[in-house]
Amino acid sequence: MKRLLAALLLVSHSSMAQQFYPHDNPTRPFDVGVKQRKIDLTVITVEDPIKACKEVSNRFNFGWTALSNSCAYWTTDFKECTVILPKNTTMHLIGHEVLHCMLGRWH
């Protein structure tokens, strides 16, 4: 009974995560909701993105706790955004970080 309950809890948690985070599914369309917004975008590729993202978090006191192999940070008016990516990356990772630039903190 405990195993069944644990499995049910895991499945329901996973389905809720899918429901609340559709942006991480690379094939699921969604409404971005941003119209005619201009952003100055800078993309930096680095050998050690985990270290670079941690340094950015510490410097600007973002409070990121998870180690991330990419990140995006922006000015308070959201007009300038910088993306840090590993030198060897994927289209999904690029799109994920650029979406942060477009929407801000959407996680």
Protein backbone atom coordinates (compact mmCIF):
# COMPACT_ATOMS: atom_id res chain seq x y z
CA MET A 1 0.00 0.00 0.00
CA LYS A 2 2.85 2.40 0.83
CA ARG A 3 4.49 1.69 -2.54
CA LEU A 4 1.23 2.36 -4.37
CA LEU A 5 0.74 5.62 -2.48
CA ALA A 6 4.34 6.70 -3.21
CA ALA A 7 3.93 5.87 -6.92
CA LEU A 8 0.65 7.79 -7.08
CA LEU A 9 2.23 10.80 -5.38
CA LEU A 10 5.18 10.74 -7.79
CA VAL A 11 2.94 10.51 -10.86
CA SER A 12 0.65 13.30 -9.68
CA HIS A 13 3.64 15.52 -8.84
CA SER A 14 5.16 14.88 -12.28
CA SER A 15 1.92 15.67 -14.07
CA MET A 16 1.54 18.91 -12.10
CA ALA A 17 5.11 19.90 -12.95
CA GLN A 18 4.31 19.32 -16.61
CA GLN A 19 1.18 21.43 -16.25
CA PHE A 20 2.93 24.37 -14.57
CA TYR A 21 6.12 24.34 -16.65
CA PRO A 22 5.00 23.93 -20.27
CA HIS A 23 7.79 26.25 -21.45
CA ASP A 24 10.41 23.55 -20.85
CA ASN A 25 8.72 21.20 -23.33
CA PRO A 26 10.50 22.11 -26.60
CA THR A 27 7.57 21.04 -28.81
CA ARG A 28 4.59 22.44 -26.89
CA PRO A 29 3.44 25.83 -28.22
CA PHE A 30 2.37 28.56 -25.80
CA ASP A 31 1.56 32.26 -25.90
CA VAL A 32 4.67 34.31 -25.10
CA GLY A 33 2.50 37.35 -24.40
CA VAL A 34 5.19 39.91 -25.30
CA LYS A 35 4.52 42.19 -28.23
CA GLN A 36 7.02 44.49 -29.94
CA ARG A 37 9.49 44.57 -27.11
CA LYS A 38 13.08 45.46 -27.95
CA ILE A 39 15.85 43.76 -25.99
CA ASP A 40 19.60 44.28 -26.31
CA LEU A 41 20.83 40.70 -26.09
CA THR A 42 24.40 39.65 -25.33
CA VAL A 43 25.37 35.99 -25.50
CA ILE A 44 28.53 34.80 -23.78
CA THR A 45 29.89 31.27 -24.23
CA VAL A 46 32.27 29.97 -21.58
CA GLU A 47 34.18 26.81 -20.72
CA ASP A 48 32.67 26.58 -17.22
CA PRO A 49 29.11 27.99 -17.24
CA ILE A 50 28.34 26.67 -13.75
CA LYS A 51 31.17 28.76 -12.33
CA ALA A 52 30.26 31.81 -14.45
CA CYS A 53 26.57 31.68 -13.48
CA LYS A 54 27.47 31.28 -9.81
CA GLU A 55 29.77 34.32 -10.03
CA VAL A 56 26.98 36.38 -11.61
CA SER A 57 24.55 35.27 -8.90
CA ASN A 58 27.01 36.20 -6.16
CA ARG A 59 27.93 39.54 -7.78
CA PHE A 60 24.32 40.69 -8.21
CA ASN A 61 22.92 38.83 -5.19
CA PHE A 62 20.39 36.87 -7.26
CA GLY A 63 20.31 34.05 -4.75
CA TRP A 64 20.39 31.20 -7.27
CA THR A 65 20.87 28.05 -5.27
CA ALA A 66 20.83 25.42 -8.02
CA LEU A 67 23.96 24.81 -10.05
CA SER A 68 23.06 25.68 -13.61
CA ASN A 69 24.91 25.06 -16.84
CA SER A 70 23.40 28.25 -18.32
CA CYS A 71 21.76 31.41 -17.08
CA ALA A 72 20.31 34.76 -18.09
CA TYR A 73 20.41 38.05 -16.26
CA TRP A 74 19.01 41.43 -17.17
CA THR A 75 18.75 45.05 -16.18
CA THR A 76 15.86 46.09 -13.95
CA ASP A 77 14.00 47.63 -16.91
CA PHE A 78 14.43 44.36 -18.89
CA LYS A 79 15.89 46.24 -21.88
CA GLU A 80 19.31 44.59 -21.70
CA CYS A 81 19.86 40.89 -21.15
CA THR A 82 22.95 38.70 -21.02
CA VAL A 83 22.90 34.94 -21.55
CA ILE A 84 25.73 32.67 -20.41
CA LEU A 85 25.96 29.35 -22.25
CA PRO A 86 28.44 26.50 -22.44
CA LYS A 87 30.53 26.49 -25.62
CA ASN A 88 28.91 23.17 -26.55
CA THR A 89 25.16 23.78 -26.21
CA THR A 90 21.74 22.92 -27.64
CA MET A 91 18.97 24.84 -29.37
CA HIS A 92 16.68 24.09 -26.42
CA LEU A 93 19.14 25.62 -23.95
CA ILE A 94 19.60 28.73 -26.10
CA GLY A 95 15.84 29.14 -26.46
CA HIS A 96 15.27 28.56 -22.75
CA GLU A 97 17.67 31.32 -21.75
CA VAL A 98 16.48 33.77 -24.42
CA LEU A 99 12.94 33.17 -23.15
CA HIS A 100 14.14 34.35 -19.75
CA CYS A 101 15.27 37.54 -21.46
CA MET A 102 11.86 37.98 -23.04
CA LEU A 103 9.73 37.11 -20.02
CA GLY A 104 11.92 37.60 -16.98
CA ARG A 105 11.54 35.12 -14.14
CA TRP A 106 8.97 32.72 -15.56
CA HIS A 107 10.01 29.49 -13.80
